[in-house]
Amino acid sequence: MAASTDPRPARSRARLLEAAAALLRAGGPSAVTVDAVVRASNVARATLYRHFPSGNDLLAAAFYALIPPAPLPPQDGTLRDRLVAALDGFADLVAEAPISLAATSWLALGGGLDPSWWGRGDREIESDAVRTLRERVAEQYAAPFDAIFDSPDAVAAFGEVDRMQAVALLLGPIVLGKLSTLTDFDYREVARAAVDGFLAARGL
């Protein structure tokens, strides 16, 4: 007879993560403190540290839980149409679920890293939770464009594409618009200008 698995650790982890995600959604990263999560989840502090070695690990896991799937562009249409659709989808995602951009900002500012990291750039000291979040964010940014650049017509038109550079050129204006906090920033117009500039630089 197979031994039964104690469900309590999984339940405790789920309650901690649910509480952390709710605090993150309502108050941003600064709201996700160990004390606040312990109070909201009604889980003991010692139990929290068995699941999440540090507050940064807990916050990284909460970010991961809230990041929505990447919006994939349609498979039909011209390259321009699909690139515009990818940018429109990302603009909608940033507007409706800004948690993705918040996670990016947290990581970019050294979230999850010991202060001694600055000046060394040694990412080996990242915890598994922070590294997993970083990979998830990178995947979300890249997935829509990988789907386009891997298509036969894109390969025929562009050849080998530097994906990091392409994503920076295409998404950069959208991200800047969000960070600017300008209320009259026209994401749709900027998305089309970014795509047209990207294509023009490649003679298309």
C-alpha atoms as a PDB file:
ATOM      1  CA  MET A   1       0.000   0.000   0.000  1.00  0.00           C
ATOM      2  CA  ALA A   2       1.453   3.383  -1.034  1.00  0.00           C
ATOM      3  CA  ALA A   3       2.185   5.822   1.754  1.00  0.00           C
ATOM      4  CA  SER A   4      -0.083   8.849   1.794  1.00  0.00           C
ATOM      5  CA  THR A   5       1.452  12.264   1.215  1.00  0.00           C
ATOM      6  CA  ASP A   6       0.890  14.915   3.856  1.00  0.00           C
ATOM      7  CA  PRO A   7      -1.081  17.691   2.088  1.00  0.00           C
ATOM      8  CA  ARG A   8      -0.359  20.315   4.742  1.00  0.00           C
ATOM      9  CA  PRO A   9       2.929  21.660   3.322  1.00  0.00           C
ATOM     10  CA  ALA A  10       1.334  22.185  -0.087  1.00  0.00           C
ATOM     11  CA  ARG A  11      -1.654  23.914   1.505  1.00  0.00           C
ATOM     12  CA  SER A  12       0.598  26.174   3.566  1.00  0.00           C
ATOM     13  CA  ARG A  13       2.647  27.137   0.516  1.00  0.00           C
ATOM     14  CA  ALA A  14      -0.519  27.861  -1.469  1.00  0.00           C
ATOM     15  CA  ARG A  15      -1.884  30.095   1.305  1.00  0.00           C
ATOM     16  CA  LEU A  16       1.391  31.978   1.586  1.00  0.00           C
ATOM     17  CA  LEU A  17       1.594  32.494  -2.151  1.00  0.00           C
ATOM     18  CA  GLU A  18      -2.048  33.556  -2.368  1.00  0.00           C
ATOM     19  CA  ALA A  19      -1.533  36.110   0.399  1.00  0.00           C
ATOM     20  CA  ALA A  20       1.678  37.434  -1.159  1.00  0.00           C
ATOM     21  CA  ALA A  21       0.059  37.736  -4.586  1.00  0.00           C
ATOM     22  CA  ALA A  22      -2.926  39.608  -3.141  1.00  0.00           C
ATOM     23  CA  LEU A  23      -0.633  42.035  -1.314  1.00  0.00           C
ATOM     24  CA  LEU A  24       1.465  42.540  -4.444  1.00  0.00           C
ATOM     25  CA  ARG A  25      -1.600  43.196  -6.579  1.00  0.00           C
ATOM     26  CA  ALA A  26      -3.032  45.677  -4.089  1.00  0.00           C
ATOM     27  CA  GLY A  27       0.051  47.494  -2.861  1.00  0.00           C
ATOM     28  CA  GLY A  28       3.020  46.719  -5.079  1.00  0.00           C
ATOM     29  CA  PRO A  29       6.325  45.086  -4.119  1.00  0.00           C
ATOM     30  CA  SER A  30       6.779  47.127  -0.935  1.00  0.00           C
ATOM     31  CA  ALA A  31       3.567  45.620   0.473  1.00  0.00           C
ATOM     32  CA  VAL A  32       4.914  42.070   0.323  1.00  0.00           C
ATOM     33  CA  THR A  33       6.720  41.849   3.649  1.00  0.00           C
ATOM     34  CA  VAL A  34       7.168  38.714   5.709  1.00  0.00           C
ATOM     35  CA  ASP A  35       5.075  40.183   8.541  1.00  0.00           C
ATOM     36  CA  ALA A  36       2.239  41.142   6.191  1.00  0.00           C
ATOM     37  CA  VAL A  37       2.180  37.745   4.495  1.00  0.00           C
ATOM     38  CA  VAL A  38       2.245  35.896   7.824  1.00  0.00           C
ATOM     39  CA  ARG A  39      -0.716  37.961   9.041  1.00  0.00           C
ATOM     40  CA  ALA A  40      -2.715  37.614   5.830  1.00  0.00           C
ATOM     41  CA  SER A  41      -2.118  33.884   5.407  1.00  0.00           C
ATOM     42  CA  ASN A  42      -2.350  32.898   9.078  1.00  0.00           C
ATOM     43  CA  VAL A  43       0.705  30.708   8.514  1.00  0.00           C
ATOM     44  CA  ALA A  44       3.576  30.655  10.996  1.00  0.00           C
ATOM     45  CA  ARG A  45       6.742  32.581  10.187  1.00  0.00           C
ATOM     46  CA  ALA A  46       8.843  29.421  10.568  1.00  0.00           C
ATOM     47  CA  THR A  47       6.640  27.677   8.017  1.00  0.00           C
ATOM     48  CA  LEU A  48       7.050  30.577   5.593  1.00  0.00           C
ATOM     49  CA  TYR A  49      10.833  30.297   5.774  1.00  0.00           C
ATOM     50  CA  ARG A  50      10.655  26.559   5.125  1.00  0.00           C
ATOM     51  CA  HIS A  51       8.989  27.321   1.785  1.00  0.00           C
ATOM     52  CA  PHE A  52      10.652  30.645   0.955  1.00  0.00           C
ATOM     53  CA  PRO A  53      14.184  31.186   2.335  1.00  0.00           C
ATOM     54  CA  SER A  54      13.874  34.975   2.085  1.00  0.00           C
ATOM     55  CA  GLY A  55      11.365  37.738   1.502  1.00  0.00           C
ATOM     56  CA  ASN A  56      12.802  38.218  -1.987  1.00  0.00           C
ATOM     57  CA  ASP A  57      12.098  34.587  -2.842  1.00  0.00           C
ATOM     58  CA  LEU A  58       8.517  35.042  -1.697  1.00  0.00           C
ATOM     59  CA  LEU A  59       8.118  38.229  -3.744  1.00  0.00           C
ATOM     60  CA  ALA A  60       9.639  36.590  -6.823  1.00  0.00           C
ATOM     61  CA  ALA A  61       7.204  33.681  -6.486  1.00  0.00           C
ATOM     62  CA  ALA A  62       4.288  36.118  -6.136  1.00  0.00           C
ATOM     63  CA  PHE A  63       5.367  37.993  -9.269  1.00  0.00           C
ATOM     64  CA  TYR A  64       5.645  34.692 -11.127  1.00  0.00           C
ATOM     65  CA  ALA A  65       2.137  33.666 -10.075  1.00  0.00           C
ATOM     66  CA  LEU A  66       0.608  36.923 -11.335  1.00  0.00           C
ATOM     67  CA  ILE A  67       2.365  37.258 -14.699  1.00  0.00           C
ATOM     68  CA  PRO A  68      -0.200  36.411 -17.400  1.00  0.00           C
ATOM     69  CA  PRO A  69       0.594  34.340 -20.498  1.00  0.00           C
ATOM     70  CA  ALA A  70       2.296  36.149 -23.346  1.00  0.00           C
ATOM     71  CA  PRO A  71      -0.198  37.450 -25.958  1.00  0.00           C
ATOM     72  CA  LEU A  72       0.662  35.567 -29.150  1.00  0.00           C
ATOM     73  CA  PRO A  73       0.056  37.283 -32.513  1.00  0.00           C
ATOM     74  CA  PRO A  74      -2.171  35.759 -35.216  1.00  0.00           C
ATOM     75  CA  GLN A  75      -0.578  33.292 -37.621  1.00  0.00           C
ATOM     76  CA  ASP A  76      -2.206  34.935 -40.641  1.00  0.00           C
ATOM     77  CA  GLY A  77      -1.532  38.331 -42.204  1.00  0.00           C
ATOM     78  CA  THR A  78       1.507  40.205 -43.420  1.00  0.00           C
ATOM     79  CA  LEU A  79       4.650  40.527 -41.339  1.00  0.00           C
ATOM     80  CA  ARG A  80       3.684  44.105 -40.573  1.00  0.00           C
ATOM     81  CA  ASP A  81       0.196  43.068 -39.476  1.00  0.00           C
ATOM     82  CA  ARG A  82       1.567  40.400 -37.153  1.00  0.00           C
ATOM     83  CA  LEU A  83       4.241  42.647 -35.668  1.00  0.00           C
ATOM     84  CA  VAL A  84       1.665  45.365 -35.047  1.00  0.00           C
ATOM     85  CA  ALA A  85      -0.655  42.791 -33.460  1.00  0.00           C
ATOM     86  CA  ALA A  86       2.182  41.635 -31.188  1.00  0.00           C
ATOM     87  CA  LEU A  87       2.860  45.198 -30.040  1.00  0.00           C
ATOM     88  CA  ASP A  88      -0.840  45.950 -29.600  1.00  0.00           C
ATOM     89  CA  GLY A  89      -1.167  42.816 -27.475  1.00  0.00           C
ATOM     90  CA  PHE A  90       1.781  43.816 -25.341  1.00  0.00           C
ATOM     91  CA  ALA A  91       0.456  47.372 -24.959  1.00  0.00           C
ATOM     92  CA  ASP A  92      -2.880  45.961 -23.775  1.00  0.00           C
ATOM     93  CA  LEU A  93      -1.052  43.645 -21.385  1.00  0.00           C
ATOM     94  CA  VAL A  94       0.947  46.506 -19.889  1.00  0.00           C
ATOM     95  CA  ALA A  95      -2.181  48.634 -19.541  1.00  0.00           C
ATOM     96  CA  GLU A  96      -4.416  45.921 -18.070  1.00  0.00           C
ATOM     97  CA  ALA A  97      -1.881  43.841 -16.152  1.00  0.00           C
ATOM     98  CA  PRO A  98       1.081  46.099 -15.305  1.00  0.00           C
ATOM     99  CA  ILE A  99       2.493  43.386 -13.044  1.00  0.00           C
ATOM    100  CA  SER A 100       4.729  42.281 -15.922  1.00  0.00           C
ATOM    101  CA  LEU A 101       6.375  45.692 -16.123  1.00  0.00           C
ATOM    102  CA  ALA A 102       6.587  45.890 -12.334  1.00  0.00           C
ATOM    103  CA  ALA A 103       8.428  42.560 -12.289  1.00  0.00           C
ATOM    104  CA  THR A 104      10.787  43.804 -14.987  1.00  0.00           C
ATOM    105  CA  SER A 105      11.505  46.993 -13.039  1.00  0.00           C
ATOM    106  CA  TRP A 106      12.077  45.059  -9.810  1.00  0.00           C
ATOM    107  CA  LEU A 107      14.536  42.736 -11.523  1.00  0.00           C
ATOM    108  CA  ALA A 108      16.251  45.572 -13.392  1.00  0.00           C
ATOM    109  CA  LEU A 109      16.802  47.467 -10.143  1.00  0.00           C
ATOM    110  CA  GLY A 110      18.468  44.438  -8.592  1.00  0.00           C
ATOM    111  CA  GLY A 111      15.427  42.895  -6.922  1.00  0.00           C
ATOM    112  CA  GLY A 112      16.378  39.647  -5.264  1.00  0.00           C
ATOM    113  CA  LEU A 113      20.104  40.413  -5.301  1.00  0.00           C
ATOM    114  CA  ASP A 114      22.364  41.042  -2.366  1.00  0.00           C
ATOM    115  CA  PRO A 115      23.720  44.637  -2.479  1.00  0.00           C
ATOM    116  CA  SER A 116      27.218  43.198  -2.905  1.00  0.00           C
ATOM    117  CA  TRP A 117      26.194  42.147  -6.435  1.00  0.00           C
ATOM    118  CA  TRP A 118      26.435  45.719  -7.689  1.00  0.00           C
ATOM    119  CA  GLY A 119      29.674  46.245  -9.554  1.00  0.00           C
ATOM    120  CA  ARG A 120      30.322  42.523  -9.971  1.00  0.00           C
ATOM    121  CA  GLY A 121      27.450  41.374 -12.152  1.00  0.00           C
ATOM    122  CA  ASP A 122      27.651  37.847 -10.756  1.00  0.00           C
ATOM    123  CA  ARG A 123      24.176  36.464 -11.277  1.00  0.00           C
ATOM    124  CA  GLU A 124      25.175  33.097  -9.837  1.00  0.00           C
ATOM    125  CA  ILE A 125      24.182  34.483  -6.445  1.00  0.00           C
ATOM    126  CA  GLU A 126      20.562  34.789  -7.557  1.00  0.00           C
ATOM    127  CA  SER A 127      18.189  32.402  -5.839  1.00  0.00           C
ATOM    128  CA  ASP A 128      16.291  29.824  -7.855  1.00  0.00           C
ATOM    129  CA  ALA A 129      13.050  31.776  -7.370  1.00  0.00           C
ATOM    130  CA  VAL A 130      14.517  35.018  -8.716  1.00  0.00           C
ATOM    131  CA  ARG A 131      16.248  33.255 -11.603  1.00  0.00           C
ATOM    132  CA  THR A 132      13.001  31.494 -12.511  1.00  0.00           C
ATOM    133  CA  LEU A 133      11.153  34.821 -12.491  1.00  0.00           C
ATOM    134  CA  ARG A 134      13.820  36.418 -14.686  1.00  0.00           C
ATOM    135  CA  GLU A 135      13.482  33.579 -17.198  1.00  0.00           C
ATOM    136  CA  ARG A 136       9.680  33.867 -17.118  1.00  0.00           C
ATOM    137  CA  VAL A 137       9.788  37.609 -17.816  1.00  0.00           C
ATOM    138  CA  ALA A 138      12.274  37.138 -20.658  1.00  0.00           C
ATOM    139  CA  GLU A 139      10.074  34.422 -22.130  1.00  0.00           C
ATOM    140  CA  GLN A 140       7.019  36.661 -22.014  1.00  0.00           C
ATOM    141  CA  TYR A 141       8.806  39.446 -23.876  1.00  0.00           C
ATOM    142  CA  ALA A 142      10.312  37.100 -26.457  1.00  0.00           C
ATOM    143  CA  ALA A 143       7.505  34.608 -27.156  1.00  0.00           C
ATOM    144  CA  PRO A 144       5.321  36.753 -29.474  1.00  0.00           C
ATOM    145  CA  PHE A 145       8.321  37.762 -31.578  1.00  0.00           C
ATOM    146  CA  ASP A 146       9.822  34.285 -31.666  1.00  0.00           C
ATOM    147  CA  ALA A 147       6.523  33.094 -33.150  1.00  0.00           C
ATOM    148  CA  ILE A 148       6.840  35.713 -35.902  1.00  0.00           C
ATOM    149  CA  PHE A 149      10.570  35.522 -36.622  1.00  0.00           C
ATOM    150  CA  ASP A 150      10.489  31.715 -36.771  1.00  0.00           C
ATOM    151  CA  SER A 151       7.782  31.741 -39.470  1.00  0.00           C
ATOM    152  CA  PRO A 152       8.872  30.894 -43.047  1.00  0.00           C
ATOM    153  CA  ASP A 153       8.002  34.308 -44.494  1.00  0.00           C
ATOM    154  CA  ALA A 154       9.937  36.116 -41.753  1.00  0.00           C
ATOM    155  CA  VAL A 155      12.966  33.888 -42.287  1.00  0.00           C
ATOM    156  CA  ALA A 156      12.783  34.638 -46.029  1.00  0.00           C
ATOM    157  CA  ALA A 157      12.452  38.396 -45.422  1.00  0.00           C
ATOM    158  CA  PHE A 158      14.819  38.914 -42.488  1.00  0.00           C
ATOM    159  CA  GLY A 159      17.153  35.951 -42.408  1.00  0.00           C
ATOM    160  CA  GLU A 160      18.743  35.543 -38.991  1.00  0.00           C
ATOM    161  CA  VAL A 161      17.388  38.138 -36.560  1.00  0.00           C
ATOM    162  CA  ASP A 162      19.122  39.333 -33.412  1.00  0.00           C
ATOM    163  CA  ARG A 163      16.126  38.647 -31.171  1.00  0.00           C
ATOM    164  CA  MET A 164      17.273  40.739 -28.223  1.00  0.00           C
ATOM    165  CA  GLN A 165      17.902  43.753 -30.428  1.00  0.00           C
ATOM    166  CA  ALA A 166      14.607  43.294 -32.265  1.00  0.00           C
ATOM    167  CA  VAL A 167      12.596  43.072 -29.045  1.00  0.00           C
ATOM    168  CA  ALA A 168      14.374  46.154 -27.675  1.00  0.00           C
ATOM    169  CA  LEU A 169      13.647  48.174 -30.829  1.00  0.00           C
ATOM    170  CA  LEU A 170      10.017  47.103 -31.050  1.00  0.00           C
ATOM    171  CA  LEU A 171       8.988  47.022 -27.391  1.00  0.00           C
ATOM    172  CA  GLY A 172      11.179  49.870 -26.172  1.00  0.00           C
ATOM    173  CA  PRO A 173       8.786  52.663 -27.214  1.00  0.00           C
ATOM    174  CA  ILE A 174       5.823  50.856 -25.619  1.00  0.00           C
ATOM    175  CA  VAL A 175       7.645  50.360 -22.327  1.00  0.00           C
ATOM    176  CA  LEU A 176       8.864  53.967 -22.372  1.00  0.00           C
ATOM    177  CA  GLY A 177       5.299  55.152 -22.893  1.00  0.00           C
ATOM    178  CA  LYS A 178       4.159  53.248 -19.817  1.00  0.00           C
ATOM    179  CA  LEU A 179       7.051  54.486 -17.697  1.00  0.00           C
ATOM    180  CA  SER A 180       6.427  58.080 -18.817  1.00  0.00           C
ATOM    181  CA  THR A 181       2.946  57.998 -17.193  1.00  0.00           C
ATOM    182  CA  LEU A 182       1.698  60.331 -19.940  1.00  0.00           C
ATOM    183  CA  THR A 183      -2.083  60.072 -20.065  1.00  0.00           C
ATOM    184  CA  ASP A 184      -2.301  60.977 -23.756  1.00  0.00           C
ATOM    185  CA  PHE A 185       0.362  58.505 -24.950  1.00  0.00           C
ATOM    186  CA  ASP A 186      -1.048  56.772 -28.050  1.00  0.00           C
ATOM    187  CA  TYR A 187       0.183  53.187 -27.819  1.00  0.00           C
ATOM    188  CA  ARG A 188      -1.442  52.177 -31.103  1.00  0.00           C
ATOM    189  CA  GLU A 189       0.186  54.977 -33.070  1.00  0.00           C
ATOM    190  CA  VAL A 190       3.574  54.366 -31.458  1.00  0.00           C
ATOM    191  CA  ALA A 191       3.314  50.619 -32.108  1.00  0.00           C
ATOM    192  CA  ARG A 192       2.789  51.233 -35.814  1.00  0.00           C
ATOM    193  CA  ALA A 193       5.645  53.735 -35.963  1.00  0.00           C
ATOM    194  CA  ALA A 194       7.960  51.259 -34.217  1.00  0.00           C
ATOM    195  CA  VAL A 195       7.053  48.472 -36.646  1.00  0.00           C
ATOM    196  CA  ASP A 196       7.401  50.711 -39.703  1.00  0.00           C
ATOM    197  CA  GLY A 197      10.809  51.892 -38.504  1.00  0.00           C
ATOM    198  CA  PHE A 198      11.922  48.315 -37.842  1.00  0.00           C
ATOM    199  CA  LEU A 199      10.839  47.204 -41.314  1.00  0.00           C
ATOM    200  CA  ALA A 200      12.303  50.269 -43.040  1.00  0.00           C
ATOM    201  CA  ALA A 201      15.685  49.611 -41.434  1.00  0.00           C
ATOM    202  CA  ARG A 202      15.608  46.231 -43.151  1.00  0.00           C
ATOM    203  CA  GLY A 203      14.553  47.621 -46.513  1.00  0.00           C
ATOM    204  CA  LEU A 204      10.955  46.416 -46.264  1.00  0.00           C
END
